[in-house]
Amino acid sequence: MANPLINRILEKIKNKRDYRDKHFGKKAYFRFYEIRNLFIQNDDGNTHKFLIASDGRNQIDRGRKTLENIEECIQYWYSYCAAIVPNSWGKIYEAYFNLNMHKQDVEIYDYGSGQGQATILLLDNFYTSQDKSLIKSINFIELSELALKISKNILKYWSPDILQEKIHLIKKDINMLDINDLKENENTYKIHLFSYILDMGVVDAKKLIEKILNIKGKHFIWAVSQNSNNDRMNKANINPKTNKLFFEEFYDELDLQISNSPNIEKKSQNYQIDLLNTKIINSSFQEKPILIFGRYIEVK
């Protein structure tokens, strides 16, 4: 990539990966937060001054802006990627491992993927280097061309055991996806990741869910909302026509379509995570509220 700042960050990721491989073997952990630190710290190990000196959250429209330059990409890591992991991994682990998804051929679809943070977290928490051979494709769906390129380059160095030809960059509005973008392969588990994108009110829930549920096979849909104590008063996250959170509307629409379709089987309750109001721990060890849900279905 042409930008010298992003090139330095990617080089640091590569060097850290090479060091781990050389001294600790390929199974050594290289965690999500380490990647975040490589983005937000300058070459001296201190936080970039532009992150501290400005109201960066507003510059990227509180995470809603399509990222246009490396400074905005770094700002997103700084402002939002310290508080992205649910504190209730237990429920997700239980569903995930009951399904043996870490032992199955998998395709990942990351909607509004940004720089690939949700996918990195998924890989970080559920897959070893050996398991990653089961990942048949990773599909990043995002409008920012820069963010897409960064996501692929991070995986190139952070997780070189995933072949680059398995990583597909889909530069599209989510509502403009067609059936060819969501590959039909009945022999794989399809993991659909929605990390905060549903909060923005930009997803046509009915149309997107219809597309997903038209694809035969096994689907695990996992969504996280950047909920807060003030969300009911925060009009940006609420549909003014229904006075409901956009996130809750997606959840309700998904269950409605699952219930009404004769071709869809919602499996045992053991594999479901109902709309859950839970906590995350940010980098300052503060608890922040979030919403999360998971659905496992099979489309005949």
Protein backbone atom coordinates (compact mmCIF):
# COMPACT_ATOMS: atom_id res chain seq x y z
CA MET A 1 0.00 0.00 0.00
CA ALA A 2 1.28 3.45 -0.92
CA ASN A 3 0.74 5.33 2.36
CA PRO A 4 3.97 5.29 4.43
CA LEU A 5 2.11 5.29 7.77
CA ILE A 6 0.00 2.23 6.99
CA ASN A 7 3.06 0.54 5.50
CA ARG A 8 4.90 1.04 8.81
CA ILE A 9 1.96 -0.39 10.77
CA LEU A 10 1.71 -3.44 8.52
CA GLU A 11 5.47 -3.94 8.77
CA LYS A 12 5.19 -3.90 12.56
CA ILE A 13 2.45 -6.54 12.39
CA LYS A 14 4.65 -8.67 10.11
CA ASN A 15 7.69 -8.28 12.38
CA LYS A 16 5.70 -9.22 15.46
CA ARG A 17 4.30 -12.28 13.69
CA ASP A 18 7.80 -13.30 12.51
CA TYR A 19 9.20 -12.88 16.01
CA ARG A 20 6.46 -15.04 17.54
CA ASP A 21 6.92 -17.74 14.91
CA LYS A 22 10.68 -17.82 15.37
CA HIS A 23 10.78 -17.85 19.18
CA PHE A 24 7.50 -19.43 20.24
CA GLY A 25 6.21 -21.37 17.23
CA LYS A 26 3.20 -20.71 15.03
CA LYS A 27 0.72 -21.50 17.80
CA ALA A 28 1.86 -18.52 19.87
CA TYR A 29 -0.88 -16.02 20.59
CA PHE A 30 -0.89 -12.71 18.75
CA ARG A 31 -4.01 -11.11 20.14
CA PHE A 32 -6.49 -8.59 18.79
CA TYR A 33 -5.46 -5.93 21.30
CA GLU A 34 -1.84 -6.24 20.21
CA ILE A 35 -2.92 -5.36 16.68
CA ARG A 36 -4.89 -2.41 18.03
CA ASN A 37 -1.81 -1.16 19.90
CA LEU A 38 0.30 -1.36 16.74
CA PHE A 39 -2.23 0.93 15.04
CA ILE A 40 -2.58 3.55 17.74
CA GLN A 41 1.09 3.78 18.81
CA ASN A 42 3.80 5.64 16.94
CA ASP A 43 7.32 4.28 16.44
CA ASP A 44 8.27 5.39 19.98
CA GLY A 45 5.48 3.31 21.50
CA ASN A 46 3.43 6.36 22.47
CA THR A 47 -0.12 7.06 21.32
CA HIS A 48 -0.28 9.14 18.15
CA LYS A 49 -0.66 12.80 19.09
CA PHE A 50 -3.46 13.39 16.60
CA LEU A 51 -5.61 10.83 18.45
CA ILE A 52 -5.29 12.67 21.74
CA ALA A 53 -5.35 16.22 20.42
CA SER A 54 -8.67 16.06 18.55
CA ASP A 55 -12.24 14.98 19.01
CA GLY A 56 -11.71 12.06 16.69
CA ARG A 57 -15.03 10.36 17.37
CA ASN A 58 -16.84 13.30 15.77
CA GLN A 59 -14.39 13.39 12.86
CA ILE A 60 -15.49 9.87 11.93
CA ASP A 61 -19.13 10.62 12.79
CA ARG A 62 -19.00 8.43 15.89
CA GLY A 63 -17.98 5.41 13.84
CA ARG A 64 -20.54 5.89 11.06
CA LYS A 65 -18.36 7.57 8.44
CA THR A 66 -16.96 5.64 5.48
CA LEU A 67 -13.23 5.77 6.27
CA GLU A 68 -11.27 7.75 3.69
CA ASN A 69 -7.69 8.03 5.01
CA ILE A 70 -5.29 6.26 7.32
CA GLU A 71 -5.78 8.76 10.15
CA GLU A 72 -9.51 7.95 10.20
CA CYS A 73 -8.73 4.22 10.15
CA ILE A 74 -6.39 4.61 13.13
CA GLN A 75 -8.99 6.75 14.89
CA TYR A 76 -11.50 3.92 14.58
CA TRP A 77 -9.07 1.46 16.19
CA TYR A 78 -8.45 3.97 18.97
CA SER A 79 -12.04 4.99 19.68
CA TYR A 80 -14.03 1.82 19.13
CA CYS A 81 -11.82 -1.27 19.13
CA ALA A 82 -11.09 -1.13 22.84
CA ALA A 83 -14.67 -2.14 23.52
CA ILE A 84 -15.75 -4.66 20.93
CA VAL A 85 -15.55 -8.03 22.73
CA PRO A 86 -18.58 -9.34 24.63
CA ASN A 87 -17.95 -10.18 28.27
CA SER A 88 -20.23 -13.19 27.93
CA TRP A 89 -18.11 -15.32 25.59
CA GLY A 90 -19.41 -18.35 27.47
CA LYS A 91 -22.76 -18.36 25.66
CA ILE A 92 -21.09 -17.91 22.28
CA TYR A 93 -18.52 -20.62 23.00
CA GLU A 94 -21.26 -23.00 24.07
CA ALA A 95 -23.25 -22.57 20.86
CA TYR A 96 -20.15 -22.52 18.67
CA PHE A 97 -18.51 -25.61 20.10
CA ASN A 98 -21.76 -27.59 20.43
CA LEU A 99 -22.05 -27.20 16.67
CA ASN A 100 -18.38 -28.20 16.19
CA MET A 101 -18.05 -25.17 13.95
CA HIS A 102 -14.33 -24.98 14.67
CA LYS A 103 -14.05 -28.43 13.05
CA GLN A 104 -16.13 -27.71 9.94
CA ASP A 105 -15.47 -26.04 6.61
CA VAL A 106 -16.45 -22.40 7.13
CA GLU A 107 -17.22 -19.31 5.05
CA ILE A 108 -17.20 -15.96 6.85
CA TYR A 109 -19.30 -12.97 5.77
CA ASP A 110 -18.41 -9.74 7.57
CA TYR A 111 -21.01 -7.02 6.86
CA GLY A 112 -19.81 -3.42 7.11
CA SER A 113 -16.47 -5.03 7.83
CA GLY A 114 -14.35 -1.89 8.18
CA GLN A 115 -10.79 -3.08 8.71
CA GLY A 116 -11.87 -6.63 9.50
CA GLN A 117 -12.01 -6.30 13.29
CA ALA A 118 -14.98 -8.65 13.81
CA THR A 119 -13.36 -11.36 11.68
CA ILE A 120 -10.03 -10.96 13.48
CA LEU A 121 -11.81 -11.39 16.82
CA LEU A 122 -13.61 -14.48 15.56
CA LEU A 123 -10.36 -16.05 14.40
CA ASP A 124 -8.57 -14.91 17.56
CA ASN A 125 -11.06 -16.58 19.88
CA PHE A 126 -12.10 -19.73 18.02
CA TYR A 127 -9.30 -20.84 15.72
CA THR A 128 -5.73 -22.08 16.06
CA SER A 129 -3.31 -21.99 13.14
CA GLN A 130 -4.19 -25.60 12.38
CA ASP A 131 -7.95 -24.94 12.40
CA LYS A 132 -7.64 -22.13 9.87
CA SER A 133 -7.23 -24.65 7.05
CA LEU A 134 -10.99 -25.19 7.42
CA ILE A 135 -11.75 -21.58 6.44
CA LYS A 136 -12.79 -21.75 2.81
CA SER A 137 -13.46 -18.05 2.32
CA ILE A 138 -13.54 -14.72 4.15
CA ASN A 139 -15.79 -12.13 2.55
CA PHE A 140 -15.33 -8.52 3.65
CA ILE A 141 -18.31 -6.33 2.64
CA GLU A 142 -17.49 -2.65 2.99
CA LEU A 143 -17.77 0.67 1.10
CA SER A 144 -14.32 1.98 2.07
CA GLU A 145 -11.75 0.74 -0.43
CA LEU A 146 -8.94 1.72 1.95
CA ALA A 147 -10.45 -0.22 4.86
CA LEU A 148 -10.91 -3.27 2.64
CA LYS A 149 -7.26 -3.22 1.57
CA ILE A 150 -6.11 -2.81 5.16
CA SER A 151 -8.23 -5.76 6.33
CA LYS A 152 -6.71 -8.06 3.72
CA ASN A 153 -3.17 -6.88 4.48
CA ILE A 154 -3.64 -7.38 8.23
CA LEU A 155 -4.62 -11.00 7.62
CA LYS A 156 -1.70 -11.41 5.24
CA TYR A 157 0.74 -10.80 8.10
CA TRP A 158 -1.26 -11.60 11.25
CA SER A 159 -2.61 -14.87 9.92
CA PRO A 160 -0.46 -16.00 6.97
CA ASP A 161 -1.92 -19.52 7.26
CA ILE A 162 -5.06 -18.17 5.57
CA LEU A 163 -4.36 -18.04 1.86
CA GLN A 164 -4.84 -14.61 0.29
CA GLU A 165 -6.97 -16.05 -2.51
CA LYS A 166 -9.52 -17.08 0.12
CA ILE A 167 -10.04 -13.44 1.14
CA HIS A 168 -12.62 -11.65 -1.01
CA LEU A 169 -13.16 -7.89 -0.93
CA ILE A 170 -16.71 -6.81 -1.81
CA LYS A 171 -16.89 -3.03 -2.22
CA LYS A 172 -20.66 -2.62 -2.08
CA ASP A 173 -23.45 -1.08 -0.12
CA ILE A 174 -24.89 -3.96 1.94
CA ASN A 175 -28.33 -3.38 0.44
CA MET A 176 -26.88 -3.80 -3.07
CA LEU A 177 -25.58 -7.32 -2.47
CA ASP A 178 -26.91 -9.93 -4.86
CA ILE A 179 -27.13 -13.68 -4.54
CA ASN A 180 -23.79 -14.15 -6.33
CA ASP A 181 -22.03 -12.27 -3.51
CA LEU A 182 -23.34 -14.82 -0.99
CA LYS A 183 -21.99 -18.05 -2.39
CA GLU A 184 -24.20 -21.13 -2.23
CA ASN A 185 -22.25 -24.06 -0.82
CA GLU A 186 -24.36 -26.51 1.13
CA ASN A 187 -21.29 -28.23 2.58
CA THR A 188 -19.99 -25.26 4.58
CA TYR A 189 -21.05 -23.40 7.69
CA LYS A 190 -21.68 -19.77 6.82
CA ILE A 191 -20.89 -17.34 9.62
CA HIS A 192 -22.57 -13.94 9.21
CA LEU A 193 -20.98 -11.21 11.34
CA PHE A 194 -22.71 -7.92 12.13
CA SER A 195 -20.51 -5.82 14.38
CA TYR A 196 -22.23 -2.49 15.14
CA ILE A 197 -23.35 -1.99 11.52
CA LEU A 198 -26.98 -2.67 12.48
CA ASP A 199 -26.95 0.31 14.85
CA MET A 200 -26.61 2.73 11.97
CA GLY A 201 -30.00 2.22 10.34
CA VAL A 202 -28.42 1.74 6.91
CA VAL A 203 -29.33 -1.94 6.49
CA ASP A 204 -32.63 -2.93 4.88
CA ALA A 205 -33.24 -5.81 7.30
CA LYS A 206 -36.08 -7.41 5.35
CA LYS A 207 -34.25 -7.56 2.01
CA LEU A 208 -30.89 -8.66 3.41
CA ILE A 209 -32.38 -11.41 5.57
CA GLU A 210 -34.41 -12.65 2.59
CA LYS A 211 -31.17 -12.99 0.59
CA ILE A 212 -29.37 -14.86 3.37
CA LEU A 213 -32.31 -17.21 3.98
CA ASN A 214 -32.51 -18.04 0.28
CA ILE A 215 -29.11 -19.74 0.40
CA LYS A 216 -29.22 -23.46 1.15
CA GLY A 217 -26.98 -24.68 3.93
CA LYS A 218 -26.00 -24.02 7.52
CA HIS A 219 -25.93 -20.47 8.84
CA PHE A 220 -24.74 -18.96 12.11
CA ILE A 221 -25.76 -15.30 12.41
CA TRP A 222 -23.99 -13.33 15.13
CA ALA A 223 -24.66 -9.64 15.79
CA VAL A 224 -23.33 -7.13 18.33
CA SER A 225 -24.78 -3.70 19.08
CA GLN A 226 -22.94 -0.75 20.55
CA ASN A 227 -25.70 -0.25 23.09
CA SER A 228 -25.47 2.36 25.83
CA ASN A 229 -27.48 3.53 28.78
CA ASN A 230 -28.63 6.46 26.67
CA ASP A 231 -29.55 4.61 23.48
CA ARG A 232 -33.26 5.02 24.04
CA MET A 233 -32.69 8.76 23.94
CA ASN A 234 -30.13 8.62 21.16
CA LYS A 235 -32.19 9.12 18.03
CA ALA A 236 -29.31 8.05 15.79
CA ASN A 237 -29.84 4.42 16.86
CA ILE A 238 -33.64 4.45 16.83
CA ASN A 239 -36.01 4.20 13.90
CA PRO A 240 -38.28 7.25 14.29
CA LYS A 241 -41.11 5.42 12.50
CA THR A 242 -41.25 2.59 15.05
CA ASN A 243 -39.39 4.04 18.05
CA LYS A 244 -37.35 0.82 18.22
CA LEU A 245 -33.62 0.31 18.02
CA PHE A 246 -32.53 -0.62 14.49
CA PHE A 247 -30.68 -3.56 16.04
CA GLU A 248 -33.86 -4.90 17.65
CA GLU A 249 -35.75 -4.49 14.38
CA PHE A 250 -33.21 -6.70 12.60
CA TYR A 251 -33.53 -9.30 15.36
CA ASP A 252 -37.34 -9.27 15.16
CA GLU A 253 -37.33 -9.43 11.35
CA LEU A 254 -34.91 -12.36 11.36
CA ASP A 255 -37.05 -14.41 13.73
CA LEU A 256 -40.19 -13.46 11.81
CA GLN A 257 -38.77 -14.74 8.54
CA ILE A 258 -37.39 -17.87 10.18
CA SER A 259 -40.81 -18.63 11.67
CA ASN A 260 -42.70 -18.02 8.42
CA SER A 261 -40.50 -19.99 6.03
CA PRO A 262 -41.18 -23.72 5.51
CA ASN A 263 -37.63 -24.19 4.18
CA ILE A 264 -35.84 -23.02 7.32
CA GLU A 265 -35.17 -25.05 10.42
CA LYS A 266 -34.19 -23.23 13.59
CA LYS A 267 -32.16 -25.81 15.45
CA SER A 268 -32.12 -26.70 19.13
CA GLN A 269 -32.31 -23.86 21.64
CA ASN A 270 -28.83 -24.93 22.71
CA TYR A 271 -27.56 -23.19 19.58
CA GLN A 272 -29.45 -19.92 20.03
CA ILE A 273 -28.39 -16.76 21.85
CA ASP A 274 -31.51 -14.68 22.38
CA LEU A 275 -31.34 -10.90 22.47
CA LEU A 276 -28.99 -10.45 25.38
CA ASN A 277 -28.20 -7.25 27.26
CA THR A 278 -24.67 -7.83 28.49
CA LYS A 279 -21.35 -6.10 29.14
CA ILE A 280 -18.01 -5.50 27.52
CA ILE A 281 -14.77 -4.54 29.20
CA ASN A 282 -12.87 -1.77 27.43
CA SER A 283 -9.14 -1.08 27.50
CA SER A 284 -9.57 0.97 30.67
CA PHE A 285 -11.28 -2.02 32.33
CA GLN A 286 -14.61 -0.21 32.36
CA GLU A 287 -17.86 -2.09 31.83
CA LYS A 288 -19.97 -0.91 28.90
CA PRO A 289 -23.41 -2.27 27.95
CA ILE A 290 -24.02 -4.00 24.62
CA LEU A 291 -26.70 -6.07 22.93
CA ILE A 292 -25.86 -9.37 21.26
CA PHE A 293 -27.70 -12.25 19.65
CA GLY A 294 -26.87 -15.44 17.76
CA ARG A 295 -29.00 -17.66 15.52
CA TYR A 296 -28.18 -21.04 14.02
CA ILE A 297 -30.43 -22.19 11.20
CA GLU A 298 -30.42 -24.67 8.34
CA VAL A 299 -31.95 -23.74 4.99
CA LYS A 300 -33.27 -26.70 2.99
